[in-house]
Amino acid sequence: MQTLVQADGRPPFGQFEATPQHINWRDADYRNLMGRPLPAWRRRLAFKQFEYFGLVSDDLIAGCALANLQFVGAAFVYAFRPSDGAMHNLSVRAPLARGMALTDQPMAGSSVLDTRKLKVQLDYADGSKRLRVESHSGLNIDASFDDTPQACDPMSLCTQAGRNGWVYARKIAGVAATGSVSSRLGNVDLQRAGAFAHHDYSAGFMRRETYWNWACLSGRAASGQRVGLNVSCGVNETSASENCCWIDGQRYALPGALFDYSRDDLDAPWRVRSADGAIDLQFQPLGRHTERLNAWLMATDFRQDFGHFSGWLRPASGPAIDITGLLGFCEDQFARW
């Protein structure tokens, strides 16, 4: 698929076997709730885009997010040490997304943020993704992973969001990472640490108020198989589901997920499960990154916990996988944008 938005101004809905080369959102037929076409400036303000690059290993958990919300560009980066809970993190907000440019090609180009406090570059080239972070606080990342189909079959889909909107997402998890992370916690060679990476590219005309839960893990199961997991609830459940797992790079569909957790007791375990028993995981938080903002037109209440998963996955078209102590993430997010 060359472009996501077709000649009629609408994208196709469902999962795609191939990643669209261009998310040509400027060609979208975007309307108000009563069906009246909106001008280009309204379309631009309604379009949102974000990327997240995560890393997990026994020695270190790290993540970096970029979000272009038009009124503001937001980014965060962190490094967390599971053994003792030590953390080094940094967040920035750029009014009107100054210094930020996110690529509209999921498999090409670069997404960048250039501010006084933080510089981020996420490149797509030669079948790999590479994240480079430089910060004034000494938190620096240079990490890559193989993003070819031979390494991992990506999940790529587009779903409807409200009456007029849509969301495109491309996700991958459970791939080996190389490179390094340096911070106040020390220096970590990702290959030597046996680190795994995951990546999320999402863009579209999202609901004005959006809420979701998300869970992701990466690592090696007791059987030695390379495992990745991506499940969510609240965003991409209309006409198709993004829920899936990867076993040695092969993608398997998973059913809808239910998230049980406490908003008050942050140390209490989460339970992530499906009604049919294909997913039954307990997640024990070790630490978290939070972002909170209430600024009239815009608001966010974001909590990303990192910790250990235990339980099992039973994809219908694949073997059952025992999950014991694999590292990953759970999210609780509300956004008004």
C-alpha atoms as a PDB file:
ATOM      1  CA  MET A   1       0.000   0.000   0.000  1.00  0.00           C
ATOM      2  CA  GLN A   2       1.590   3.261  -1.122  1.00  0.00           C
ATOM      3  CA  THR A   3      -0.681   5.638   0.811  1.00  0.00           C
ATOM      4  CA  LEU A   4      -3.096   5.122   3.691  1.00  0.00           C
ATOM      5  CA  VAL A   5      -5.768   7.649   2.678  1.00  0.00           C
ATOM      6  CA  GLN A   6      -7.412   6.612  -0.581  1.00  0.00           C
ATOM      7  CA  ALA A   7      -8.830   8.712  -3.449  1.00  0.00           C
ATOM      8  CA  ASP A   8     -12.163   9.162  -1.641  1.00  0.00           C
ATOM      9  CA  GLY A   9     -10.425  10.756   1.341  1.00  0.00           C
ATOM     10  CA  ARG A  10     -10.893   7.782   3.649  1.00  0.00           C
ATOM     11  CA  PRO A  11      -8.469   5.078   4.791  1.00  0.00           C
ATOM     12  CA  PRO A  12      -9.329   1.373   4.654  1.00  0.00           C
ATOM     13  CA  PHE A  13     -10.094  -0.160   8.041  1.00  0.00           C
ATOM     14  CA  GLY A  14      -8.679  -3.384   9.421  1.00  0.00           C
ATOM     15  CA  GLN A  15      -5.268  -5.023   9.680  1.00  0.00           C
ATOM     16  CA  PHE A  16      -2.782  -4.762   6.829  1.00  0.00           C
ATOM     17  CA  GLU A  17      -0.254  -7.331   5.709  1.00  0.00           C
ATOM     18  CA  ALA A  18       2.073  -4.562   4.485  1.00  0.00           C
ATOM     19  CA  THR A  19       2.847  -1.252   6.166  1.00  0.00           C
ATOM     20  CA  PRO A  20       1.558   1.806   4.237  1.00  0.00           C
ATOM     21  CA  GLN A  21       4.498   3.782   2.938  1.00  0.00           C
ATOM     22  CA  HIS A  22       2.890   7.187   3.550  1.00  0.00           C
ATOM     23  CA  ILE A  23       0.325   8.297   6.145  1.00  0.00           C
ATOM     24  CA  ASN A  24      -1.033  11.040   3.872  1.00  0.00           C
ATOM     25  CA  TRP A  25      -3.356  12.566   6.454  1.00  0.00           C
ATOM     26  CA  ARG A  26      -3.501  15.915   4.624  1.00  0.00           C
ATOM     27  CA  ASP A  27      -5.577  14.163   1.939  1.00  0.00           C
ATOM     28  CA  ALA A  28      -8.176  13.024   4.476  1.00  0.00           C
ATOM     29  CA  ASP A  29     -11.821  14.044   4.065  1.00  0.00           C
ATOM     30  CA  TYR A  30     -12.196  15.338   7.612  1.00  0.00           C
ATOM     31  CA  ARG A  31     -15.622  16.700   8.619  1.00  0.00           C
ATOM     32  CA  ASN A  32     -17.450  18.043  11.624  1.00  0.00           C
ATOM     33  CA  LEU A  33     -20.025  15.965  13.483  1.00  0.00           C
ATOM     34  CA  MET A  34     -22.792  17.101  11.123  1.00  0.00           C
ATOM     35  CA  GLY A  35     -20.869  16.046   8.013  1.00  0.00           C
ATOM     36  CA  ARG A  36     -19.604  19.447   6.866  1.00  0.00           C
ATOM     37  CA  PRO A  37     -16.079  19.371   5.369  1.00  0.00           C
ATOM     38  CA  LEU A  38     -13.571  21.291   7.487  1.00  0.00           C
ATOM     39  CA  PRO A  39     -10.786  23.573   6.175  1.00  0.00           C
ATOM     40  CA  ALA A  40      -7.152  22.502   6.117  1.00  0.00           C
ATOM     41  CA  TRP A  41      -6.240  24.397   9.323  1.00  0.00           C
ATOM     42  CA  ARG A  42      -8.955  22.564  11.283  1.00  0.00           C
ATOM     43  CA  ARG A  43      -7.747  19.266   9.870  1.00  0.00           C
ATOM     44  CA  ARG A  44      -4.196  20.065  10.985  1.00  0.00           C
ATOM     45  CA  LEU A  45      -5.269  20.934  14.538  1.00  0.00           C
ATOM     46  CA  ALA A  46      -7.241  17.694  14.800  1.00  0.00           C
ATOM     47  CA  PHE A  47      -4.367  15.443  13.688  1.00  0.00           C
ATOM     48  CA  LYS A  48      -2.264  13.853  16.468  1.00  0.00           C
ATOM     49  CA  GLN A  49       0.816  11.684  16.235  1.00  0.00           C
ATOM     50  CA  PHE A  50       3.146   9.934  18.663  1.00  0.00           C
ATOM     51  CA  GLU A  51       5.961   7.414  18.786  1.00  0.00           C
ATOM     52  CA  TYR A  52       7.318   5.366  21.641  1.00  0.00           C
ATOM     53  CA  PHE A  53      10.564   3.378  21.753  1.00  0.00           C
ATOM     54  CA  GLY A  54      11.037   1.090  24.762  1.00  0.00           C
ATOM     55  CA  LEU A  55      13.895  -1.087  26.033  1.00  0.00           C
ATOM     56  CA  VAL A  56      13.870  -3.859  28.649  1.00  0.00           C
ATOM     57  CA  SER A  57      16.578  -5.974  30.244  1.00  0.00           C
ATOM     58  CA  ASP A  58      17.314  -7.356  33.697  1.00  0.00           C
ATOM     59  CA  ASP A  59      19.756  -4.473  34.229  1.00  0.00           C
ATOM     60  CA  LEU A  60      17.763  -1.572  32.782  1.00  0.00           C
ATOM     61  CA  ILE A  61      14.347  -0.447  31.557  1.00  0.00           C
ATOM     62  CA  ALA A  62      14.321   2.642  29.326  1.00  0.00           C
ATOM     63  CA  GLY A  63      11.815   4.508  27.208  1.00  0.00           C
ATOM     64  CA  CYS A  64      11.441   7.562  25.002  1.00  0.00           C
ATOM     65  CA  ALA A  65       8.207   9.090  23.682  1.00  0.00           C
ATOM     66  CA  LEU A  66       7.507  11.880  21.196  1.00  0.00           C
ATOM     67  CA  ALA A  67       3.999  13.333  20.789  1.00  0.00           C
ATOM     68  CA  ASN A  68       2.865  16.087  18.410  1.00  0.00           C
ATOM     69  CA  LEU A  69      -0.473  17.413  19.672  1.00  0.00           C
ATOM     70  CA  GLN A  70      -0.274  20.537  17.469  1.00  0.00           C
ATOM     71  CA  PHE A  71      -0.848  22.988  20.351  1.00  0.00           C
ATOM     72  CA  VAL A  72       2.148  21.459  22.085  1.00  0.00           C
ATOM     73  CA  GLY A  73       4.922  18.981  21.415  1.00  0.00           C
ATOM     74  CA  ALA A  74       5.627  16.682  24.341  1.00  0.00           C
ATOM     75  CA  ALA A  75       8.459  14.260  25.009  1.00  0.00           C
ATOM     76  CA  PHE A  76       9.859  12.199  27.832  1.00  0.00           C
ATOM     77  CA  VAL A  77      12.804   9.885  28.321  1.00  0.00           C
ATOM     78  CA  TYR A  78      13.794   7.763  31.302  1.00  0.00           C
ATOM     79  CA  ALA A  79      16.128   5.035  32.521  1.00  0.00           C
ATOM     80  CA  PHE A  80      15.087   2.772  35.406  1.00  0.00           C
ATOM     81  CA  ARG A  81      17.103   0.145  37.270  1.00  0.00           C
ATOM     82  CA  PRO A  82      14.885  -2.796  38.361  1.00  0.00           C
ATOM     83  CA  SER A  83      17.283  -4.032  41.053  1.00  0.00           C
ATOM     84  CA  ASP A  84      16.887  -1.013  43.341  1.00  0.00           C
ATOM     85  CA  GLY A  85      14.253   1.251  41.756  1.00  0.00           C
ATOM     86  CA  ALA A  86      16.712   4.041  40.883  1.00  0.00           C
ATOM     87  CA  MET A  87      15.508   6.267  38.045  1.00  0.00           C
ATOM     88  CA  HIS A  88      16.766   9.067  35.808  1.00  0.00           C
ATOM     89  CA  ASN A  89      14.053  10.830  33.800  1.00  0.00           C
ATOM     90  CA  LEU A  90      13.370  14.020  31.867  1.00  0.00           C
ATOM     91  CA  SER A  91      10.225  15.577  30.342  1.00  0.00           C
ATOM     92  CA  VAL A  92       9.853  18.567  28.009  1.00  0.00           C
ATOM     93  CA  ARG A  93       6.946  20.436  26.429  1.00  0.00           C
ATOM     94  CA  ALA A  94       7.404  22.643  23.375  1.00  0.00           C
ATOM     95  CA  PRO A  95       4.635  25.222  22.682  1.00  0.00           C
ATOM     96  CA  LEU A  96       3.111  24.734  19.223  1.00  0.00           C
ATOM     97  CA  ALA A  97       5.455  21.731  18.811  1.00  0.00           C
ATOM     98  CA  ARG A  98       8.399  24.019  17.996  1.00  0.00           C
ATOM     99  CA  GLY A  99      11.539  22.007  17.329  1.00  0.00           C
ATOM    100  CA  MET A 100       9.542  18.827  16.641  1.00  0.00           C
ATOM    101  CA  ALA A 101       8.939  17.079  13.324  1.00  0.00           C
ATOM    102  CA  LEU A 102       7.522  13.557  13.175  1.00  0.00           C
ATOM    103  CA  THR A 103       7.744  11.551   9.979  1.00  0.00           C
ATOM    104  CA  ASP A 104       4.595  10.623   8.060  1.00  0.00           C
ATOM    105  CA  GLN A 105       6.382   7.553   6.649  1.00  0.00           C
ATOM    106  CA  PRO A 106       6.319   4.649   9.126  1.00  0.00           C
ATOM    107  CA  MET A 107       9.277   2.948   7.444  1.00  0.00           C
ATOM    108  CA  ALA A 108      11.359   5.910   6.268  1.00  0.00           C
ATOM    109  CA  GLY A 109      12.662   9.299   7.249  1.00  0.00           C
ATOM    110  CA  SER A 110      13.292  10.671  10.734  1.00  0.00           C
ATOM    111  CA  SER A 111      11.325  11.938  13.702  1.00  0.00           C
ATOM    112  CA  VAL A 112      13.171  14.635  15.630  1.00  0.00           C
ATOM    113  CA  LEU A 113      12.947  16.875  18.658  1.00  0.00           C
ATOM    114  CA  ASP A 114      15.488  19.626  19.146  1.00  0.00           C
ATOM    115  CA  THR A 115      15.216  21.674  22.345  1.00  0.00           C
ATOM    116  CA  ARG A 116      17.691  23.159  24.791  1.00  0.00           C
ATOM    117  CA  LYS A 117      17.128  20.356  27.312  1.00  0.00           C
ATOM    118  CA  LEU A 118      16.627  17.385  25.039  1.00  0.00           C
ATOM    119  CA  LYS A 119      17.509  16.248  21.538  1.00  0.00           C
ATOM    120  CA  VAL A 120      15.906  13.129  20.080  1.00  0.00           C
ATOM    121  CA  GLN A 121      16.295  11.562  16.643  1.00  0.00           C
ATOM    122  CA  LEU A 122      14.468   8.406  15.600  1.00  0.00           C
ATOM    123  CA  ASP A 123      15.657   7.188  12.201  1.00  0.00           C
ATOM    124  CA  TYR A 124      14.250   4.587   9.828  1.00  0.00           C
ATOM    125  CA  ALA A 125      16.850   3.275   7.402  1.00  0.00           C
ATOM    126  CA  ASP A 126      18.341   0.073   5.972  1.00  0.00           C
ATOM    127  CA  GLY A 127      15.774  -2.162   7.656  1.00  0.00           C
ATOM    128  CA  SER A 128      16.442  -0.901  11.171  1.00  0.00           C
ATOM    129  CA  LYS A 129      15.163   1.655  13.643  1.00  0.00           C
ATOM    130  CA  ARG A 130      17.645   3.727  15.611  1.00  0.00           C
ATOM    131  CA  LEU A 131      16.933   5.978  18.575  1.00  0.00           C
ATOM    132  CA  ARG A 132      19.451   8.637  19.582  1.00  0.00           C
ATOM    133  CA  VAL A 133      18.890  10.785  22.669  1.00  0.00           C
ATOM    134  CA  GLU A 134      21.117  13.526  24.052  1.00  0.00           C
ATOM    135  CA  SER A 135      20.102  15.460  27.164  1.00  0.00           C
ATOM    136  CA  HIS A 136      21.574  18.221  29.299  1.00  0.00           C
ATOM    137  CA  SER A 137      21.143  15.961  32.341  1.00  0.00           C
ATOM    138  CA  GLY A 138      23.450  13.229  31.016  1.00  0.00           C
ATOM    139  CA  LEU A 139      20.730  10.749  30.006  1.00  0.00           C
ATOM    140  CA  ASN A 140      21.847   9.538  26.570  1.00  0.00           C
ATOM    141  CA  ILE A 141      20.650   6.652  24.395  1.00  0.00           C
ATOM    142  CA  ASP A 142      21.885   5.126  21.144  1.00  0.00           C
ATOM    143  CA  ALA A 143      19.751   2.030  20.501  1.00  0.00           C
ATOM    144  CA  SER A 144      18.747   0.060  17.400  1.00  0.00           C
ATOM    145  CA  PHE A 145      16.775  -3.014  16.405  1.00  0.00           C
ATOM    146  CA  ASP A 146      16.196  -4.997  13.216  1.00  0.00           C
ATOM    147  CA  ASP A 147      12.825  -3.981  11.762  1.00  0.00           C
ATOM    148  CA  THR A 148      12.712  -6.360   8.819  1.00  0.00           C
ATOM    149  CA  PRO A 149       9.960  -9.009   8.434  1.00  0.00           C
ATOM    150  CA  GLN A 150      12.616 -11.670   9.033  1.00  0.00           C
ATOM    151  CA  ALA A 151      13.116 -10.337  12.583  1.00  0.00           C
ATOM    152  CA  CYS A 152       9.470  -9.674  13.432  1.00  0.00           C
ATOM    153  CA  ASP A 153       6.147  -9.445  11.585  1.00  0.00           C
ATOM    154  CA  PRO A 154       4.756  -5.982  12.516  1.00  0.00           C
ATOM    155  CA  MET A 155       1.165  -5.313  13.531  1.00  0.00           C
ATOM    156  CA  SER A 156      -0.274  -2.638  11.212  1.00  0.00           C
ATOM    157  CA  LEU A 157      -3.899  -1.494  11.265  1.00  0.00           C
ATOM    158  CA  CYS A 158      -6.311   1.416  10.926  1.00  0.00           C
ATOM    159  CA  THR A 159      -9.543   1.718  12.896  1.00  0.00           C
ATOM    160  CA  GLN A 160     -12.375   4.225  13.073  1.00  0.00           C
ATOM    161  CA  ALA A 161     -12.378   6.749  15.936  1.00  0.00           C
ATOM    162  CA  GLY A 162     -15.743   8.378  16.537  1.00  0.00           C
ATOM    163  CA  ARG A 163     -17.883   9.426  13.588  1.00  0.00           C
ATOM    164  CA  ASN A 164     -15.244  11.163  11.489  1.00  0.00           C
ATOM    165  CA  GLY A 165     -11.862  10.148  12.854  1.00  0.00           C
ATOM    166  CA  TRP A 166      -9.478   7.253  12.422  1.00  0.00           C
ATOM    167  CA  VAL A 167      -6.276   5.966  14.014  1.00  0.00           C
ATOM    168  CA  TYR A 168      -3.392   4.224  12.271  1.00  0.00           C
ATOM    169  CA  ALA A 169      -0.986   2.169  14.402  1.00  0.00           C
ATOM    170  CA  ARG A 170       2.090   0.080  13.692  1.00  0.00           C
ATOM    171  CA  LYS A 171       3.573  -1.879  16.599  1.00  0.00           C
ATOM    172  CA  ILE A 172       6.360  -4.350  17.171  1.00  0.00           C
ATOM    173  CA  ALA A 173       7.723  -6.044  20.322  1.00  0.00           C
ATOM    174  CA  GLY A 174      10.125  -8.779  21.338  1.00  0.00           C
ATOM    175  CA  VAL A 175      13.075  -7.873  19.097  1.00  0.00           C
ATOM    176  CA  ALA A 176      16.711  -7.864  20.201  1.00  0.00           C
ATOM    177  CA  ALA A 177      18.260  -4.443  20.842  1.00  0.00           C
ATOM    178  CA  THR A 178      21.817  -3.233  20.357  1.00  0.00           C
ATOM    179  CA  GLY A 179      23.581  -0.043  21.387  1.00  0.00           C
ATOM    180  CA  SER A 180      23.971   1.638  24.748  1.00  0.00           C
ATOM    181  CA  VAL A 181      22.278   3.735  27.438  1.00  0.00           C
ATOM    182  CA  SER A 182      24.241   6.066  29.714  1.00  0.00           C
ATOM    183  CA  SER A 183      22.744   7.900  32.655  1.00  0.00           C
ATOM    184  CA  ARG A 184      23.203   8.635  36.340  1.00  0.00           C
ATOM    185  CA  LEU A 185      22.586   4.914  36.812  1.00  0.00           C
ATOM    186  CA  GLY A 186      25.714   4.012  34.846  1.00  0.00           C
ATOM    187  CA  ASN A 187      26.422   2.710  31.363  1.00  0.00           C
ATOM    188  CA  VAL A 188      24.649  -0.310  29.885  1.00  0.00           C
ATOM    189  CA  ASP A 189      25.664  -2.179  26.739  1.00  0.00           C
ATOM    190  CA  LEU A 190      22.282  -3.349  25.441  1.00  0.00           C
ATOM    191  CA  GLN A 191      23.548  -6.369  23.527  1.00  0.00           C
ATOM    192  CA  ARG A 192      25.618  -7.583  26.463  1.00  0.00           C
ATOM    193  CA  ALA A 193      22.613  -7.050  28.772  1.00  0.00           C
ATOM    194  CA  GLY A 194      20.371  -9.132  26.484  1.00  0.00           C
ATOM    195  CA  ALA A 195      17.998  -6.201  25.975  1.00  0.00           C
ATOM    196  CA  PHE A 196      14.805  -6.276  23.916  1.00  0.00           C
ATOM    197  CA  ALA A 197      13.055  -3.386  22.171  1.00  0.00           C
ATOM    198  CA  HIS A 198       9.540  -2.437  21.192  1.00  0.00           C
ATOM    199  CA  HIS A 199       8.168   0.422  19.117  1.00  0.00           C
ATOM    200  CA  ASP A 200       4.811   2.134  18.609  1.00  0.00           C
ATOM    201  CA  TYR A 201       3.988   4.468  15.699  1.00  0.00           C
ATOM    202  CA  SER A 202       0.462   5.921  15.976  1.00  0.00           C
ATOM    203  CA  ALA A 203      -1.204   8.764  14.078  1.00  0.00           C
ATOM    204  CA  GLY A 204      -4.651   9.962  13.155  1.00  0.00           C
ATOM    205  CA  PHE A 205      -7.739  11.988  13.975  1.00  0.00           C
ATOM    206  CA  MET A 206      -8.292  10.672  17.472  1.00  0.00           C
ATOM    207  CA  ARG A 207     -11.285  11.243  19.701  1.00  0.00           C
ATOM    208  CA  ARG A 208     -11.299  14.614  21.472  1.00  0.00           C
ATOM    209  CA  GLU A 209     -11.202  12.757  24.774  1.00  0.00           C
ATOM    210  CA  THR A 210      -9.326   9.481  24.688  1.00  0.00           C
ATOM    211  CA  TYR A 211      -8.715   6.889  27.370  1.00  0.00           C
ATOM    212  CA  TRP A 212      -6.800   3.650  27.135  1.00  0.00           C
ATOM    213  CA  ASN A 213      -4.968   0.862  28.923  1.00  0.00           C
ATOM    214  CA  TRP A 214      -2.017  -0.873  27.302  1.00  0.00           C
ATOM    215  CA  ALA A 215       0.308  -3.734  28.173  1.00  0.00           C
ATOM    216  CA  CYS A 216       3.541  -4.774  26.487  1.00  0.00           C
ATOM    217  CA  LEU A 217       6.294  -7.232  27.348  1.00  0.00           C
ATOM    218  CA  SER A 218       9.446  -8.547  25.715  1.00  0.00           C
ATOM    219  CA  GLY A 219      11.929 -11.252  26.583  1.00  0.00           C
ATOM    220  CA  ARG A 220      12.647 -14.965  26.454  1.00  0.00           C
ATOM    221  CA  ALA A 221      10.225 -17.465  27.890  1.00  0.00           C
ATOM    222  CA  ALA A 222      11.432 -20.413  29.980  1.00  0.00           C
ATOM    223  CA  SER A 223      11.240 -22.466  26.767  1.00  0.00           C
ATOM    224  CA  GLY A 224      13.843 -20.167  25.193  1.00  0.00           C
ATOM    225  CA  GLN A 225      11.394 -18.652  22.724  1.00  0.00           C
ATOM    226  CA  ARG A 226      11.596 -14.938  21.998  1.00  0.00           C
ATOM    227  CA  VAL A 227       8.281 -13.403  23.091  1.00  0.00           C
ATOM    228  CA  GLY A 228       6.635 -10.005  22.602  1.00  0.00           C
ATOM    229  CA  LEU A 229       3.162  -8.849  23.656  1.00  0.00           C
ATOM    230  CA  ASN A 230       0.967  -5.888  22.706  1.00  0.00           C
ATOM    231  CA  VAL A 231      -2.593  -5.595  24.056  1.00  0.00           C
ATOM    232  CA  SER A 232      -4.755  -2.545  24.694  1.00  0.00           C
ATOM    233  CA  CYS A 233      -8.267  -1.450  25.540  1.00  0.00           C
ATOM    234  CA  GLY A 234      -9.892   1.855  24.610  1.00  0.00           C
ATOM    235  CA  VAL A 235      -8.412   2.938  21.256  1.00  0.00           C
ATOM    236  CA  ASN A 236      -8.206   0.357  18.465  1.00  0.00           C
ATOM    237  CA  GLU A 237     -11.183  -1.933  19.012  1.00  0.00           C
ATOM    238  CA  THR A 238     -13.513  -0.638  16.278  1.00  0.00           C
ATOM    239  CA  SER A 239     -13.542  -2.957  13.212  1.00  0.00           C
ATOM    240  CA  ALA A 240     -10.202  -4.563  14.140  1.00  0.00           C
ATOM    241  CA  SER A 241      -8.001  -5.285  17.149  1.00  0.00           C
ATOM    242  CA  GLU A 242      -4.315  -4.539  17.663  1.00  0.00           C
ATOM    243  CA  ASN A 243      -3.999  -7.273  20.304  1.00  0.00           C
ATOM    244  CA  CYS A 244      -1.309  -9.779  19.425  1.00  0.00           C
ATOM    245  CA  CYS A 245       1.830 -11.537  20.566  1.00  0.00           C
ATOM    246  CA  TRP A 246       5.019 -12.477  18.774  1.00  0.00           C
ATOM    247  CA  ILE A 247       6.760 -15.814  19.227  1.00  0.00           C
ATOM    248  CA  ASP A 248      10.209 -15.904  17.639  1.00  0.00           C
ATOM    249  CA  GLY A 249       9.065 -13.006  15.459  1.00  0.00           C
ATOM    250  CA  GLN A 250       5.868 -14.645  14.194  1.00  0.00           C
ATOM    251  CA  ARG A 251       2.718 -12.680  15.021  1.00  0.00           C
ATOM    252  CA  TYR A 252      -0.368 -14.329  16.549  1.00  0.00           C
ATOM    253  CA  ALA A 253      -3.735 -12.655  17.108  1.00  0.00           C
ATOM    254  CA  LEU A 254      -5.115 -12.317  20.644  1.00  0.00           C
ATOM    255  CA  PRO A 255      -8.654 -11.496  21.810  1.00  0.00           C
ATOM    256  CA  GLY A 256      -9.862  -8.393  23.634  1.00  0.00           C
ATOM    257  CA  ALA A 257      -8.134  -7.679  26.941  1.00  0.00           C
ATOM    258  CA  LEU A 258      -9.530  -6.670  30.326  1.00  0.00           C
ATOM    259  CA  PHE A 259      -7.406  -4.609  32.734  1.00  0.00           C
ATOM    260  CA  ASP A 260      -7.964  -4.811  36.494  1.00  0.00           C
ATOM    261  CA  TYR A 261      -5.846  -2.488  38.642  1.00  0.00           C
ATOM    262  CA  SER A 262      -6.014   0.108  41.394  1.00  0.00           C
ATOM    263  CA  ARG A 263      -5.800   3.828  40.665  1.00  0.00           C
ATOM    264  CA  ASP A 264      -5.082   4.505  44.340  1.00  0.00           C
ATOM    265  CA  ASP A 265      -2.667   1.762  45.414  1.00  0.00           C
ATOM    266  CA  LEU A 266       0.129   2.191  42.868  1.00  0.00           C
ATOM    267  CA  ASP A 267       2.098  -0.780  44.164  1.00  0.00           C
ATOM    268  CA  ALA A 268      -0.803  -3.221  43.845  1.00  0.00           C
ATOM    269  CA  PRO A 269      -0.516  -5.788  41.028  1.00  0.00           C
ATOM    270  CA  TRP A 270      -2.444  -5.471  37.775  1.00  0.00           C
ATOM    271  CA  ARG A 271      -4.306  -8.319  36.143  1.00  0.00           C
ATOM    272  CA  VAL A 272      -4.507  -8.426  32.345  1.00  0.00           C
ATOM    273  CA  ARG A 273      -6.786 -11.133  31.002  1.00  0.00           C
ATOM    274  CA  SER A 274      -9.270 -12.111  28.327  1.00  0.00           C
ATOM    275  CA  ALA A 275     -12.730 -13.573  28.813  1.00  0.00           C
ATOM    276  CA  ASP A 276     -11.805 -16.814  27.023  1.00  0.00           C
ATOM    277  CA  GLY A 277      -8.608 -17.468  29.015  1.00  0.00           C
ATOM    278  CA  ALA A 278      -6.204 -16.866  26.127  1.00  0.00           C
ATOM    279  CA  ILE A 279      -4.563 -14.100  28.178  1.00  0.00           C
ATOM    280  CA  ASP A 280      -4.089 -14.411  31.923  1.00  0.00           C
ATOM    281  CA  LEU A 281      -1.252 -12.306  33.281  1.00  0.00           C
ATOM    282  CA  GLN A 282      -0.394 -10.695  36.583  1.00  0.00           C
ATOM    283  CA  PHE A 283       1.805  -7.628  36.452  1.00  0.00           C
ATOM    284  CA  GLN A 284       3.760  -6.446  39.490  1.00  0.00           C
ATOM    285  CA  PRO A 285       4.893  -2.798  39.215  1.00  0.00           C
ATOM    286  CA  LEU A 286       8.463  -1.934  40.167  1.00  0.00           C
ATOM    287  CA  GLY A 287       8.350   1.757  39.233  1.00  0.00           C
ATOM    288  CA  ARG A 288       6.612   4.222  36.957  1.00  0.00           C
ATOM    289  CA  HIS A 289       6.744   7.337  34.832  1.00  0.00           C
ATOM    290  CA  THR A 290       3.861   9.819  35.168  1.00  0.00           C
ATOM    291  CA  GLU A 291       2.755  12.924  33.292  1.00  0.00           C
ATOM    292  CA  ARG A 292      -0.088  15.184  34.500  1.00  0.00           C
ATOM    293  CA  LEU A 293      -1.392  18.384  32.931  1.00  0.00           C
ATOM    294  CA  ASN A 294      -4.755  20.161  33.102  1.00  0.00           C
ATOM    295  CA  ALA A 295      -4.710  23.223  30.830  1.00  0.00           C
ATOM    296  CA  TRP A 296      -8.329  23.850  29.827  1.00  0.00           C
ATOM    297  CA  LEU A 297      -8.305  22.811  26.161  1.00  0.00           C
ATOM    298  CA  MET A 298      -5.771  20.087  26.828  1.00  0.00           C
ATOM    299  CA  ALA A 299      -5.272  17.611  29.639  1.00  0.00           C
ATOM    300  CA  THR A 300      -3.361  14.427  30.284  1.00  0.00           C
ATOM    301  CA  ASP A 301      -3.222  11.992  33.175  1.00  0.00           C
ATOM    302  CA  PHE A 302      -0.643   9.409  32.185  1.00  0.00           C
ATOM    303  CA  ARG A 303       0.827   6.556  34.192  1.00  0.00           C
ATOM    304  CA  GLN A 304       3.235   4.049  32.697  1.00  0.00           C
ATOM    305  CA  ASP A 305       4.277   1.324  35.127  1.00  0.00           C
ATOM    306  CA  PHE A 306       7.228  -0.982  34.510  1.00  0.00           C
ATOM    307  CA  GLY A 307       7.589  -4.355  36.182  1.00  0.00           C
ATOM    308  CA  HIS A 308       7.302  -8.159  35.918  1.00  0.00           C
ATOM    309  CA  PHE A 309       4.635 -10.251  34.167  1.00  0.00           C
ATOM    310  CA  SER A 310       3.725 -13.808  35.108  1.00  0.00           C
ATOM    311  CA  GLY A 311       1.010 -16.088  33.754  1.00  0.00           C
ATOM    312  CA  TRP A 312       0.325 -17.395  30.274  1.00  0.00           C
ATOM    313  CA  LEU A 313      -0.647 -16.594  26.696  1.00  0.00           C
ATOM    314  CA  ARG A 314      -2.663 -19.043  24.583  1.00  0.00           C
ATOM    315  CA  PRO A 315      -3.080 -17.686  21.024  1.00  0.00           C
ATOM    316  CA  ALA A 316      -5.651 -19.717  19.094  1.00  0.00           C
ATOM    317  CA  SER A 317      -3.316 -20.370  16.155  1.00  0.00           C
ATOM    318  CA  GLY A 318      -0.127 -20.922  18.138  1.00  0.00           C
ATOM    319  CA  PRO A 319       1.373 -22.775  21.086  1.00  0.00           C
ATOM    320  CA  ALA A 320       0.666 -21.830  24.708  1.00  0.00           C
ATOM    321  CA  ILE A 321       3.463 -19.784  26.271  1.00  0.00           C
ATOM    322  CA  ASP A 322       4.357 -19.767  29.942  1.00  0.00           C
ATOM    323  CA  ILE A 323       5.267 -16.247  31.083  1.00  0.00           C
ATOM    324  CA  THR A 324       7.403 -16.136  34.232  1.00  0.00           C
ATOM    325  CA  GLY A 325       9.006 -12.892  35.387  1.00  0.00           C
ATOM    326  CA  LEU A 326       9.276 -11.211  31.982  1.00  0.00           C
ATOM    327  CA  LEU A 327       9.704  -7.436  32.078  1.00  0.00           C
ATOM    328  CA  GLY A 328       7.315  -4.998  30.470  1.00  0.00           C
ATOM    329  CA  PHE A 329       4.890  -2.121  30.835  1.00  0.00           C
ATOM    330  CA  CYS A 330       1.283  -1.321  31.724  1.00  0.00           C
ATOM    331  CA  GLU A 331      -0.351   2.039  31.021  1.00  0.00           C
ATOM    332  CA  ASP A 332      -3.316   4.004  32.307  1.00  0.00           C
ATOM    333  CA  GLN A 333      -3.873   7.137  30.210  1.00  0.00           C
ATOM    334  CA  PHE A 334      -6.490   9.843  29.797  1.00  0.00           C
ATOM    335  CA  ALA A 335      -5.994  12.618  27.236  1.00  0.00           C
ATOM    336  CA  ARG A 336      -8.031  15.593  26.119  1.00  0.00           C
ATOM    337  CA  TRP A 337      -6.594  17.008  22.929  1.00  0.00           C
END
